[in-house]
Protein backbone atom coordinates (compact mmCIF):
# COMPACT_ATOMS: atom_id res chain seq x y z
CA UNK A 1 11.54 14.87 -111.67
CA UNK A 2 12.37 11.49 -110.09
CA UNK A 3 16.21 12.52 -109.45
CA UNK A 4 15.00 15.82 -108.03
CA UNK A 5 12.95 13.97 -105.55
CA UNK A 6 15.82 11.59 -104.48
CA UNK A 7 18.27 14.73 -104.01
CA UNK A 8 15.70 16.50 -101.96
CA UNK A 9 15.26 13.38 -99.70
CA UNK A 10 18.99 12.87 -99.44
CA UNK A 11 19.28 17.05 -98.32
CA UNK A 12 16.56 16.54 -95.59
CA UNK A 13 18.38 13.35 -94.31
CA UNK A 14 21.35 15.07 -94.19
CA UNK A 15 20.03 17.87 -92.27
CA UNK A 16 18.75 15.77 -89.99
CA UNK A 17 21.93 13.96 -89.33
CA UNK A 18 23.63 17.10 -88.96
CA UNK A 19 20.93 18.45 -86.38
CA UNK A 20 21.19 14.85 -84.62
CA UNK A 21 25.14 15.42 -84.32
CA UNK A 22 24.72 18.56 -83.14
CA UNK A 23 22.62 17.94 -80.29
CA UNK A 24 24.24 14.70 -79.56
CA UNK A 25 27.81 16.79 -79.55
CA UNK A 26 26.14 19.76 -76.99
CA UNK A 27 24.87 17.16 -74.63
CA UNK A 28 28.12 15.06 -74.28
CA UNK A 29 29.69 18.74 -73.80
CA UNK A 30 27.03 19.36 -71.04
CA UNK A 31 27.65 16.13 -69.42
CA UNK A 32 31.36 16.31 -69.34
CA UNK A 33 30.84 19.74 -67.52
CA UNK A 34 28.70 18.34 -65.10
CA UNK A 35 30.85 15.40 -64.68
CA UNK A 36 33.43 17.46 -64.17
CA UNK A 37 31.78 19.80 -61.58
CA UNK A 38 30.86 16.73 -59.86
CA UNK A 39 34.63 15.85 -59.31
CA UNK A 40 35.68 19.39 -57.88
CA UNK A 41 32.79 18.83 -55.57
CA UNK A 42 34.63 15.41 -55.15
CA UNK A 43 37.79 16.92 -54.24
CA UNK A 44 36.42 19.69 -52.24
CA UNK A 45 34.96 16.95 -49.40
CA UNK A 46 38.50 15.36 -49.64
CA UNK A 47 40.32 18.34 -49.22
CA UNK A 48 38.27 19.18 -46.31
CA UNK A 49 38.59 15.98 -44.73
CA UNK A 50 38.57 15.65 -40.87
CA UNK A 51 41.72 14.14 -40.14
CA UNK A 52 43.24 16.96 -38.38
CA UNK A 53 40.04 16.55 -36.14
CA UNK A 54 40.88 12.72 -35.27
CA UNK A 55 43.84 13.48 -34.51
CA UNK A 56 43.08 16.52 -31.96
CA UNK A 57 40.99 14.34 -30.02
CA UNK A 58 43.43 11.21 -30.07
CA UNK A 59 45.58 13.61 -28.26
CA UNK A 60 42.91 13.97 -25.44
CA UNK A 61 43.20 10.14 -24.33
CA UNK A 62 39.72 9.17 -24.23
CA UNK A 63 38.22 6.26 -22.35
CA UNK A 64 35.40 4.20 -21.30
CA UNK A 65 32.47 5.46 -22.83
CA UNK A 66 33.61 8.26 -24.64
CA UNK A 67 36.50 6.03 -26.55
CA UNK A 68 34.07 3.35 -27.58
CA UNK A 69 31.90 6.70 -29.19
CA UNK A 70 34.89 8.04 -30.60
CA UNK A 71 35.81 4.38 -32.59
CA UNK A 72 32.65 4.29 -33.72
CA UNK A 73 32.64 8.07 -35.30
CA UNK A 74 36.19 6.88 -36.45
CA UNK A 75 34.99 3.49 -38.12
CA UNK A 76 31.94 6.01 -39.76
CA UNK A 77 34.83 8.32 -41.50
CA UNK A 78 37.06 5.52 -42.82
CA UNK A 79 34.06 3.92 -44.44
CA UNK A 80 33.25 7.30 -45.90
CA UNK A 81 37.12 8.03 -47.21
CA UNK A 82 38.24 4.34 -47.94
CA UNK A 83 34.98 2.76 -49.48
CA UNK A 84 32.06 5.26 -50.51
CA UNK A 85 35.13 8.49 -51.70
CA UNK A 86 36.64 5.75 -53.73
CA UNK A 87 33.31 3.97 -55.26
CA UNK A 88 32.30 7.23 -56.26
CA UNK A 89 35.79 8.04 -58.37
CA UNK A 90 35.78 4.75 -60.25
CA UNK A 91 31.91 5.20 -60.98
CA UNK A 92 32.69 8.94 -62.05
CA UNK A 93 35.96 7.57 -64.26
CA UNK A 94 33.25 5.22 -65.46
CA UNK A 95 30.89 7.90 -66.34
CA UNK A 96 33.39 9.66 -68.54
CA UNK A 97 33.92 7.17 -70.61
CA UNK A 98 30.10 6.81 -71.30
CA UNK A 99 29.92 10.18 -72.08
CA UNK A 100 33.24 9.73 -74.73
CA UNK A 101 31.15 6.69 -76.42
CA UNK A 102 27.84 9.23 -76.26
CA UNK A 103 26.20 6.43 -73.60
CA UNK A 104 24.59 9.96 -72.55
CA UNK A 105 21.79 8.36 -70.67
CA UNK A 106 24.15 6.11 -68.93
CA UNK A 107 26.46 8.77 -67.99
CA UNK A 108 24.05 11.29 -66.94
CA UNK A 109 22.66 8.79 -64.42
CA UNK A 110 25.65 7.54 -62.99
CA UNK A 111 26.73 11.59 -62.47
CA UNK A 112 23.45 12.73 -60.96
CA UNK A 113 23.65 9.49 -58.28
CA UNK A 114 27.00 10.16 -57.23
CA UNK A 115 26.45 13.87 -56.94
CA UNK A 116 23.87 12.57 -54.71
CA UNK A 117 25.79 10.77 -52.56
CA UNK A 118 28.75 13.30 -52.49
CA UNK A 119 26.10 15.96 -50.82
CA UNK A 120 25.25 13.20 -48.29
CA UNK A 121 28.64 12.29 -47.40
CA UNK A 122 29.32 16.48 -47.34
CA UNK A 123 26.71 16.40 -44.67
CA UNK A 124 27.23 13.18 -42.58
CA UNK A 125 31.43 14.99 -42.22
CA UNK A 126 29.72 17.93 -41.14
CA UNK A 127 27.82 16.13 -38.35
CA UNK A 128 30.66 14.54 -37.31
CA UNK A 129 33.05 17.50 -36.57
CA UNK A 130 30.21 19.07 -34.56
CA UNK A 131 30.30 15.71 -32.84
CA UNK A 132 34.09 15.88 -32.44
CA UNK A 133 34.06 19.26 -31.40
CA UNK A 134 31.79 18.12 -28.51
CA UNK A 135 34.60 15.90 -27.29
CA UNK A 136 36.95 19.09 -27.20
CA UNK A 137 33.96 21.61 -25.36
CA UNK A 138 32.99 18.79 -22.91
CA UNK A 139 36.69 18.48 -21.89
CA UNK A 140 37.08 22.21 -21.36
CA UNK A 141 33.33 22.15 -19.89
CA UNK A 142 34.14 19.17 -17.30
CA UNK A 143 37.89 20.78 -16.53
CA UNK A 144 36.09 23.91 -15.55
CA UNK A 145 33.56 22.07 -13.75
CA UNK A 146 36.13 20.56 -11.63
CA UNK A 147 37.99 23.81 -10.91
CA UNK A 148 34.50 25.39 -9.58
CA UNK A 149 33.75 21.85 -7.67
CA UNK A 150 36.86 22.04 -5.84
CA UNK A 151 36.51 25.80 -5.18
CA UNK A 152 33.25 25.65 -4.13
CA UNK A 153 33.52 22.40 -1.73
CA UNK A 154 36.45 24.30 -0.18
CA UNK A 155 34.27 27.17 0.90
CA UNK A 156 31.48 24.94 1.99
CA UNK A 157 34.24 22.88 3.90
CA UNK A 158 35.58 25.73 5.21
CA UNK A 159 32.49 27.28 6.64
CA UNK A 160 31.06 24.29 8.52
CA UNK A 161 34.30 23.86 10.29
CA UNK A 162 34.93 27.45 11.24
CA UNK A 163 31.22 28.26 11.76
CA UNK A 164 30.22 25.02 13.49
CA UNK A 165 28.15 26.70 16.45
CA UNK A 166 25.76 28.26 13.58
CA UNK A 167 24.54 24.76 12.62
CA UNK A 168 24.07 22.97 15.65
CA UNK A 169 23.45 19.33 15.73
CA UNK A 170 22.99 19.54 12.17
CA UNK A 171 26.67 20.04 11.46
CA UNK A 172 27.30 16.78 11.74
CA UNK A 173 25.07 15.54 9.21
CA UNK A 174 26.27 17.97 6.86
CA UNK A 175 29.83 16.98 7.12
CA UNK A 176 28.46 13.89 6.31
CA UNK A 177 27.07 14.88 3.18
CA UNK A 178 30.25 16.93 2.12
CA UNK A 179 32.12 14.05 3.00
CA UNK A 180 29.63 12.20 0.25
CA UNK A 181 29.87 15.42 -2.09
CA UNK A 182 33.45 15.04 -2.10
CA UNK A 183 33.92 11.39 -3.22
CA UNK A 184 31.44 12.59 -5.87
CA UNK A 185 33.83 15.21 -6.92
CA UNK A 186 36.82 12.77 -6.71
CA UNK A 187 34.94 10.59 -8.91
CA UNK A 188 33.71 13.19 -11.35
CA UNK A 189 37.45 14.13 -11.81
CA UNK A 190 38.50 10.63 -12.43
CA UNK A 191 36.34 10.52 -14.76
CA UNK A 192 37.28 13.64 -16.75
CA UNK A 193 41.08 12.85 -16.56
CA UNK A 194 40.80 10.13 -17.72
CA UNK A 195 39.04 10.80 -20.84
CA UNK A 196 35.55 9.04 -20.17
CA UNK A 197 33.62 12.30 -20.58
CA UNK A 198 30.29 10.68 -21.47
CA UNK A 199 30.20 9.22 -17.87
CA UNK A 200 31.65 12.40 -16.71
CA UNK A 201 28.74 14.08 -18.16
CA UNK A 202 25.98 11.80 -16.94
CA UNK A 203 27.44 12.16 -13.62
CA UNK A 204 27.39 15.83 -13.89
CA UNK A 205 23.71 16.36 -12.82
CA UNK A 206 24.28 14.35 -9.54
CA UNK A 207 26.84 16.54 -8.39
CA UNK A 208 25.22 19.60 -9.61
CA UNK A 209 22.15 18.72 -7.54
CA UNK A 210 24.26 17.46 -4.16
CA UNK A 211 25.78 20.86 -4.48
CA UNK A 212 22.48 22.56 -4.69
CA UNK A 213 21.37 20.87 -1.78
CA UNK A 214 24.48 21.62 0.55
CA UNK A 215 23.76 25.33 -0.52
CA UNK A 216 20.13 25.24 0.66
CA UNK A 217 21.20 23.42 3.63
CA UNK A 218 23.74 26.13 4.64
CA UNK A 219 21.74 28.65 3.91
CA UNK A 220 18.89 28.35 5.32
CA UNK A 221 19.60 25.81 8.60
CA UNK A 222 21.52 29.19 10.60
CA UNK A 223 18.19 31.21 10.86
CA UNK A 224 16.44 27.87 11.74
CA UNK A 225 18.68 26.96 14.37
CA UNK A 226 19.05 30.23 15.47
CA UNK A 227 15.38 30.75 15.89
CA UNK A 228 14.94 27.27 17.83
CA UNK A 229 17.96 27.85 20.18
CA UNK A 230 17.88 31.42 21.23
CA UNK A 231 14.66 33.46 20.02
CA UNK A 232 11.85 31.05 20.49
CA UNK A 233 12.96 29.68 24.00
CA UNK A 234 13.80 33.42 24.88
CA UNK A 235 10.77 34.54 23.70
CA UNK A 236 8.71 31.66 25.76
CA UNK A 237 10.51 32.49 29.09
CA UNK A 238 9.39 36.34 28.10
CA UNK A 239 5.74 34.99 27.81
CA UNK A 240 6.00 33.10 30.83
CA UNK A 241 7.21 35.45 33.23
CA UNK A 242 5.00 38.26 31.27
CA UNK A 243 1.64 35.95 32.21
CA UNK A 244 2.49 35.39 35.67
CA UNK A 245 3.31 39.00 36.26
CA UNK A 246 0.23 40.09 34.61
CA UNK A 247 -1.91 37.52 37.19
CA UNK A 248 -0.21 38.97 39.95
CA UNK A 249 -1.59 42.49 38.71
CA UNK A 250 -5.23 41.58 38.83
CA UNK A 251 -4.80 40.87 34.83
CA UNK A 252 -7.50 38.00 33.37
CA UNK A 253 -7.66 36.41 29.94
CA UNK A 254 -10.82 34.80 28.14
CA UNK A 255 -9.29 31.35 27.70
CA UNK A 256 -6.22 31.46 29.79
CA UNK A 257 -4.32 28.28 28.38
CA UNK A 258 -1.03 30.04 28.19
CA UNK A 259 1.12 28.15 30.59
CA UNK A 260 -0.29 24.67 28.63
CA UNK A 261 0.26 26.20 25.20
CA UNK A 262 3.78 27.28 26.58
CA UNK A 263 4.61 23.45 27.26
CA UNK A 264 3.27 22.37 23.77
CA UNK A 265 5.16 25.21 21.90
CA UNK A 266 8.58 23.90 24.31
CA UNK A 267 7.99 20.43 23.10
CA UNK A 268 7.82 21.91 19.52
CA UNK A 269 10.78 23.44 19.61
CA UNK A 270 12.42 20.30 20.79
CA UNK A 271 10.86 18.49 18.03
CA UNK A 272 11.45 20.91 15.48
CA UNK A 273 15.40 20.84 16.46
CA UNK A 274 15.31 17.04 16.34
CA UNK A 275 14.08 17.19 12.65
CA UNK A 276 16.88 20.20 11.97
CA UNK A 277 19.25 17.83 13.24
CA UNK A 278 18.06 15.28 10.58
CA UNK A 279 18.13 18.01 8.15
CA UNK A 280 14.19 17.96 7.30
CA UNK A 281 14.43 20.97 6.43
CA UNK A 282 10.73 21.60 4.66
CA UNK A 283 9.44 19.87 8.26
CA UNK A 284 11.44 22.35 10.15
CA UNK A 285 9.92 25.39 8.45
CA UNK A 286 6.46 24.21 8.65
CA UNK A 287 6.51 23.84 12.67
CA UNK A 288 8.93 27.10 12.97
CA UNK A 289 5.98 28.87 11.38
CA UNK A 290 3.28 27.23 13.01
CA UNK A 291 5.50 28.21 16.71
CA UNK A 292 6.30 32.11 15.42
CA UNK A 293 2.24 32.52 14.90
CA UNK A 294 1.53 31.01 18.66
CA UNK A 295 4.19 33.35 20.10
CA UNK A 296 3.00 36.43 18.12
CA UNK A 297 -0.45 35.57 19.10
CA UNK A 298 0.08 35.43 22.72
CA UNK A 299 2.03 38.60 22.57
CA UNK A 300 -0.93 40.35 21.06
CA UNK A 301 -3.11 38.66 23.14
CA UNK A 302 -1.11 40.13 26.19
CA UNK A 303 -0.84 43.38 24.65
CA UNK A 304 -4.80 43.41 24.26
CA UNK A 305 -5.17 42.90 27.52
CA UNK A 306 -2.58 46.08 28.87
CA UNK A 307 -4.24 48.61 26.15
CA UNK A 308 -7.84 47.74 27.12
CA UNK A 309 -6.90 48.19 30.96
CA UNK A 310 -5.94 52.00 29.87
CA UNK A 311 -9.27 52.37 28.07
CA UNK A 312 -11.69 50.84 30.44
CA UNK A 313 -10.49 52.81 33.01
CA UNK A 314 -10.79 56.17 31.18
CA UNK A 315 -14.22 54.86 29.94
CA UNK A 316 -15.87 53.79 33.20
CA UNK A 317 -17.37 57.32 33.98
CA UNK A 318 -17.88 58.34 30.68
CA UNK A 319 -20.09 55.30 30.27
CA UNK A 320 -21.53 55.85 33.59
CA UNK A 321 -22.46 59.48 33.02
CA UNK A 322 -23.98 58.35 29.80
CA UNK A 323 -26.28 56.01 31.17
CA UNK A 324 -27.85 58.27 33.43
CA UNK A 325 -27.59 61.23 30.93
CA UNK A 326 -29.76 58.70 28.71
CA UNK A 327 -32.11 57.72 31.52
CA UNK A 328 -32.94 61.19 32.30
CA UNK A 329 -33.66 61.77 28.63
CA UNK A 330 -35.92 58.86 28.49
CA UNK A 331 -37.45 60.25 31.90
CA UNK A 332 -38.43 63.61 30.51
CA UNK A 333 -39.34 62.54 27.47
CA UNK A 334 -42.08 59.48 28.93
CA UNK A 335 -43.29 62.74 30.87
CA UNK A 336 -43.57 64.52 28.02
CA UNK A 337 -45.34 61.99 25.97
CA UNK A 338 -47.44 61.40 29.16
CA UNK A 339 -49.17 65.22 29.23
CA UNK A 340 -49.27 65.42 25.56
CA UNK A 341 -51.22 62.22 25.49
CA UNK A 342 -54.32 63.64 27.06
CA UNK A 343 -54.75 66.68 24.27
CA UNK A 344 -53.39 63.96 21.33
CA UNK A 345 -53.34 60.90 19.67
CA UNK A 346 -49.79 59.74 19.54
CA UNK A 347 -49.89 57.75 16.49
CA UNK A 348 -46.36 56.39 15.67
CA UNK A 349 -45.20 54.12 18.81
CA UNK A 350 -43.60 57.47 20.83
CA UNK A 351 -44.41 55.91 24.11
CA UNK A 352 -43.63 52.20 23.36
CA UNK A 353 -40.78 53.16 21.76
CA UNK A 354 -39.53 55.11 24.88
CA UNK A 355 -40.21 52.63 27.12
CA UNK A 356 -38.28 50.25 25.11
CA UNK A 357 -35.40 52.59 25.37
CA UNK A 358 -35.77 52.46 28.63
CA UNK A 359 -35.70 48.89 29.36
CA UNK A 360 -32.53 49.15 26.62
CA UNK A 361 -31.18 51.67 29.18
CA UNK A 362 -31.45 49.21 31.93
CA UNK A 363 -30.01 46.53 29.87
CA UNK A 364 -26.74 48.10 29.34
CA UNK A 365 -26.94 49.64 33.03
CA UNK A 366 -26.93 45.82 33.99
CA UNK A 367 -23.95 44.86 31.93
CA UNK A 368 -22.33 47.81 33.46
CA UNK A 369 -22.47 46.93 37.21
CA UNK A 370 -21.32 43.41 36.61
CA UNK A 371 -18.23 45.05 34.65
CA UNK A 372 -17.62 47.24 37.25
CA UNK A 373 -17.91 44.70 40.21
CA UNK A 374 -15.45 42.25 37.89
CA UNK A 375 -13.34 45.90 37.54
CA UNK A 376 -13.31 46.38 41.40
CA UNK A 377 -12.72 42.76 42.27
CA UNK A 378 -9.78 42.41 40.24
CA UNK A 379 -11.37 39.35 37.99
CA UNK A 380 -11.87 41.74 35.42
CA UNK A 381 -11.22 40.75 31.53
CA UNK A 382 -10.41 44.08 30.30
CA UNK A 383 -10.56 43.25 26.40
CA UNK A 384 -14.34 42.17 27.29
CA UNK A 385 -14.78 45.15 29.62
CA UNK A 386 -13.50 47.38 26.61
CA UNK A 387 -15.87 45.38 24.17
CA UNK A 388 -19.03 45.79 26.32
CA UNK A 389 -17.90 49.81 26.73
CA UNK A 390 -18.21 50.41 23.51
CA UNK A 391 -21.18 48.70 22.54
CA UNK A 392 -22.67 50.57 25.20
CA UNK A 393 -21.35 54.06 23.79
CA UNK A 394 -22.74 53.04 20.43
CA UNK A 395 -26.41 52.04 21.39
CA UNK A 396 -26.53 54.91 23.76
CA UNK A 397 -25.83 57.33 21.15
CA UNK A 398 -28.49 55.39 19.21
CA UNK A 399 -30.85 56.23 21.84
CA UNK A 400 -30.26 59.69 22.50
CA UNK A 401 -30.65 59.93 18.61
CA UNK A 402 -34.03 58.43 18.77
CA UNK A 403 -35.12 60.28 21.53
CA UNK A 404 -34.60 63.48 20.17
CA UNK A 405 -36.39 62.55 16.66
CA UNK A 406 -39.05 61.74 18.72
CA UNK A 407 -39.12 64.67 21.04
CA UNK A 408 -38.92 66.96 17.76
CA UNK A 409 -41.67 64.95 16.24
CA UNK A 410 -43.60 65.78 19.23
CA UNK A 411 -42.83 68.89 20.05
CA UNK A 412 -44.78 70.86 17.11
CA UNK A 413 -48.16 69.23 18.04
CA UNK A 414 -49.24 72.61 19.86
CA UNK A 415 -47.78 74.80 17.24
CA UNK A 416 -49.72 72.61 14.77
CA UNK A 417 -52.60 73.09 16.40
CA UNK A 418 -52.65 76.76 16.63
CA UNK A 419 -52.17 77.07 12.70
CA UNK A 420 -54.83 74.49 12.62
CA UNK A 421 -57.26 76.48 14.48
CA UNK A 422 -56.00 79.48 12.15
CA UNK A 423 -56.78 77.34 9.25
CA UNK A 424 -60.05 76.67 10.32
CA UNK A 425 -61.24 80.35 11.07
CA UNK A 426 -59.98 81.52 8.20
CA UNK A 427 -61.87 78.64 5.79
CA UNK A 428 -64.74 79.93 7.72
CA UNK A 429 -64.07 83.46 7.04
CA UNK A 430 -63.31 82.46 3.05
CA UNK A 431 -66.86 81.33 3.22
CA UNK A 432 -68.92 84.00 4.47
CA UNK A 433 -67.10 86.50 2.42
CA UNK A 434 -67.89 84.26 -0.61
CA UNK A 435 -71.52 84.66 0.30
CA UNK A 436 -71.28 88.16 0.94
CA UNK A 437 -69.65 88.67 -2.17
CA UNK A 438 -72.42 87.10 -4.11
CA UNK A 439 -75.23 88.76 -1.93
CA UNK A 440 -73.70 92.22 -2.70
CA UNK A 441 -73.63 91.95 -6.56
CA UNK A 442 -77.62 91.19 -5.84
CA UNK A 443 -77.39 88.58 -8.60
CA UNK A 444 -80.64 86.43 -9.93
CA UNK A 445 -79.26 83.43 -8.66
CA UNK A 446 -76.10 80.91 -9.11
CA UNK A 447 -75.67 77.21 -10.94
CA UNK A 448 -76.87 74.06 -8.94
CA UNK A 449 -73.28 72.93 -9.34
CA UNK A 450 -71.78 75.94 -7.69
CA UNK A 451 -74.52 75.84 -4.46
CA UNK A 452 -73.55 72.16 -4.05
CA UNK A 453 -69.86 72.82 -3.99
CA UNK A 454 -70.49 75.47 -1.63
CA UNK A 455 -72.46 73.33 0.54
CA UNK A 456 -70.31 70.41 0.88
CA UNK A 457 -66.83 72.75 1.17
CA UNK A 458 -69.27 74.56 3.92
CA UNK A 459 -70.11 70.96 5.90
CA UNK A 460 -66.48 69.86 5.85
CA UNK A 461 -65.18 73.22 7.58
CA UNK A 462 -67.31 72.31 10.37
CA UNK A 463 -66.57 68.82 10.52
CA UNK A 464 -62.93 70.28 10.52
CA UNK A 465 -64.10 72.46 13.23
CA UNK A 466 -66.04 70.05 15.43
CA UNK A 467 -62.73 67.48 15.02
CA UNK A 468 -60.38 70.19 16.24
CA UNK A 469 -62.32 70.96 19.05
CA UNK A 470 -62.31 67.28 20.69
CA UNK A 471 -61.08 67.07 24.03
CA UNK A 472 -58.13 64.81 22.54
CA UNK A 473 -57.17 64.90 18.90
CA UNK A 474 -55.05 63.44 16.03
CA UNK A 475 -53.20 66.21 14.67
CA UNK A 476 -52.28 63.64 11.58
CA UNK A 477 -55.50 63.65 10.91
CA UNK A 478 -56.34 66.91 11.12
CA UNK A 479 -53.45 68.14 8.92
CA UNK A 480 -54.97 65.62 6.50
CA UNK A 481 -58.49 67.02 6.22
CA UNK A 482 -56.53 70.71 6.27
CA UNK A 483 -54.93 69.89 3.23
CA UNK A 484 -57.83 68.57 1.41
CA UNK A 485 -60.06 71.19 2.30
CA UNK A 486 -57.54 73.97 1.75
CA UNK A 487 -57.05 73.02 -1.98
CA UNK A 488 -60.84 72.88 -2.28
CA UNK A 489 -61.09 76.05 -1.03
CA UNK A 490 -58.81 77.55 -3.85
CA UNK A 491 -60.86 75.93 -6.05
CA UNK A 492 -64.16 77.26 -4.83
CA UNK A 493 -62.50 81.24 -4.27
CA UNK A 494 -61.50 81.06 -7.93
CA UNK A 495 -65.03 80.04 -9.27
CA UNK A 496 -66.89 82.37 -6.90
CA UNK A 497 -64.55 85.25 -7.92
CA UNK A 498 -65.04 84.06 -11.32
CA UNK A 499 -68.57 84.74 -11.30
CA UNK A 500 -68.70 87.45 -9.64
CA UNK A 501 -66.42 89.20 -11.85
CA UNK A 502 -68.03 87.49 -15.27
CA UNK A 503 -71.55 89.08 -13.56
CA UNK A 504 -70.62 92.59 -13.03
CA UNK A 505 -68.55 92.95 -16.49
CA UNK A 506 -71.81 91.03 -18.15
CA UNK A 507 -73.98 93.76 -16.60
CA UNK A 508 -71.91 96.82 -17.57
CA UNK A 509 -71.54 95.84 -21.22
CA UNK A 510 -75.31 95.08 -21.42
CA UNK A 511 -76.06 98.65 -20.42
CA UNK A 512 -73.22 99.64 -22.55
CA UNK A 513 -75.22 98.17 -25.56
CA UNK A 514 -78.12 100.62 -25.18
CA UNK A 515 -76.09 102.99 -26.96
CA UNK A 516 -76.03 100.44 -30.06
CA UNK A 517 -79.40 98.15 -29.34
CA UNK A 518 -82.17 100.76 -31.81
CA UNK A 519 -79.47 100.77 -34.42
CA UNK A 520 -77.31 97.29 -34.42
CA UNK A 521 -79.68 94.25 -34.81
CA UNK A 522 -77.08 91.88 -34.21
CA UNK A 523 -75.98 94.23 -30.58
CA UNK A 524 -79.57 93.79 -29.61
CA UNK A 525 -79.87 89.98 -30.33
CA UNK A 526 -76.99 89.54 -28.28
CA UNK A 527 -78.19 91.43 -25.76
CA UNK A 528 -81.33 89.41 -25.35
CA UNK A 529 -79.80 86.43 -25.16
CA UNK A 530 -76.96 87.58 -22.98
CA UNK A 531 -79.63 88.66 -20.17
CA UNK A 532 -81.22 85.38 -20.31
CA UNK A 533 -77.71 83.57 -19.70
CA UNK A 534 -77.74 86.31 -16.94
CA UNK A 535 -81.33 85.91 -15.17
CA UNK A 536 -82.70 82.54 -16.11
CA UNK A 537 -79.70 80.10 -15.99
CA UNK A 538 -77.13 81.79 -14.37
CA UNK A 539 -74.40 81.32 -16.56
CA UNK A 540 -72.40 84.47 -16.40
CA UNK A 541 -69.50 83.73 -18.35
CA UNK A 542 -71.73 83.21 -21.18
CA UNK A 543 -73.58 86.10 -20.67
CA UNK A 544 -70.49 88.02 -20.65
CA UNK A 545 -69.06 86.20 -23.77
CA UNK A 546 -72.02 86.68 -25.88
CA UNK A 547 -72.69 90.73 -25.51
CA UNK A 548 -68.90 90.82 -25.38
CA UNK A 549 -68.61 89.34 -28.75
CA UNK A 550 -71.55 91.43 -30.92
CA UNK A 551 -69.89 94.84 -29.11
CA UNK A 552 -66.23 93.84 -29.90
CA UNK A 553 -67.29 93.75 -33.71
CA UNK A 554 -68.87 97.50 -33.62
CA UNK A 555 -66.21 98.60 -31.18
CA UNK A 556 -63.07 96.89 -31.17
CA UNK A 557 -61.29 96.94 -27.67
CA UNK A 558 -64.14 97.93 -25.97
CA UNK A 559 -63.89 94.86 -23.39
CA UNK A 560 -60.52 95.47 -22.65
CA UNK A 561 -61.12 98.99 -21.62
CA UNK A 562 -64.14 98.29 -19.42
CA UNK A 563 -62.26 95.30 -17.71
CA UNK A 564 -59.12 97.87 -17.17
CA UNK A 565 -61.58 100.33 -15.50
CA UNK A 566 -63.48 97.40 -13.67
CA UNK A 567 -60.23 96.10 -12.13
CA UNK A 568 -59.26 99.69 -11.13
CA UNK A 569 -62.35 100.11 -9.03
CA UNK A 570 -61.84 96.50 -7.78
CA UNK A 571 -58.36 97.38 -6.28
CA UNK A 572 -59.61 100.73 -4.67
């Protein structure tokens, strides 16, 4: 039994040793493959060296800062290839030995560390390649810059020499700037050709800016100079002559400071020319804008008076006739208001407003006379007179409209009075007819409420008749009372007609009920009740309702038949 156990243990140990051997063998095999791949990556780096790049840059014959920078790149490159790559080769050789001797962990650590170093070297070499290519790009760029600078400089130089007259005294300063620019171009060219591209690149911005300044000057100065040398002097001379001629032709200005302003502008033109000579473009533009605005303003002022004169002459008779027409209209309105005020109370300030119109017209006429005297004496500021004329026409139009409104409002007073009198007569006739209608039926009486309404309305109609027959009446007051009385009159007419109709129909139905009283107790009782409403309380509507309800039960449709017959008789 014990031999069997020992045999089993030995078998397990052998199996474990075989498994461990397989693991170690597999691990060593995998590690050797990784080391080989790492060596291949190293060889790829070595094969892609930058030797040719460095040779090409050396042909550029760098100098100054560029040479210093190139040497720095060379130093970095040499360190990579002479030190770091050789160190990696030794380390990978050592890793191989470790792997062969099954020092798996040590070999694996060396392989990973060197793979990381190779990747770092590869990235640094890529950066170096880009930096080296920048030398070539800078060389191409700067060579192109030299060609463009020289070409552009020649154009500007030729323009300033051939078209010197376009720049006036500014030409000398521009030539000085071109001289400085030429020196800068020469210096830039020297740096480029000596191979100092770093210093040339730093200087490039300065040369570019000077070119932009020269371009700005040469593009803007001709127009500015033309304005100051020709346009403004010509315009100021024209304004001076035009102003003098207009004064001789009896034109006047509200604030005539033309001569003073012209002198100031001429001085400003001289000052702007001095600034232009010193190439103070910003200030010159500001000065020129101000000069141009003042010149435009003076032209506009003269043109305004010339145009105003034509309109003033045309308006003189129009405004004169307008004033006298408004006065005539106002006099007629005042006369009519005075006449009407004897018979009517004018309650809307008609006379007060007409008097204010007269004052306003007189004020307009006073301004017109003053303007006319200035016009005749040759001392008129035509734009001011034109403004007065336009205001006069506007105000007179407004006055005439208000005159018409007042005239229209009082024109109907007589008609209103006639209609009011006719309405009062109709009211009186209505009251009389209502009384006759009640009396015609020989009714036993009417309700107290009806009598009170009738008496109250009768009194109001009499009061209205008395009001309208006074020597001086207020149509506003009369019309208001008419409206109220008319509403109450319509209501009383309706009540009266209801009383008459209900009483007449009730009488007919009570007579008709005699056919049924002896045979129908309900009809008999209803008839007594209806008669009581009719004879004692004068409630004719209840009387009709009571008898009609009872009869409808024994003879349906009776009420409708009786009503139709009654309406035919009434209409006939």
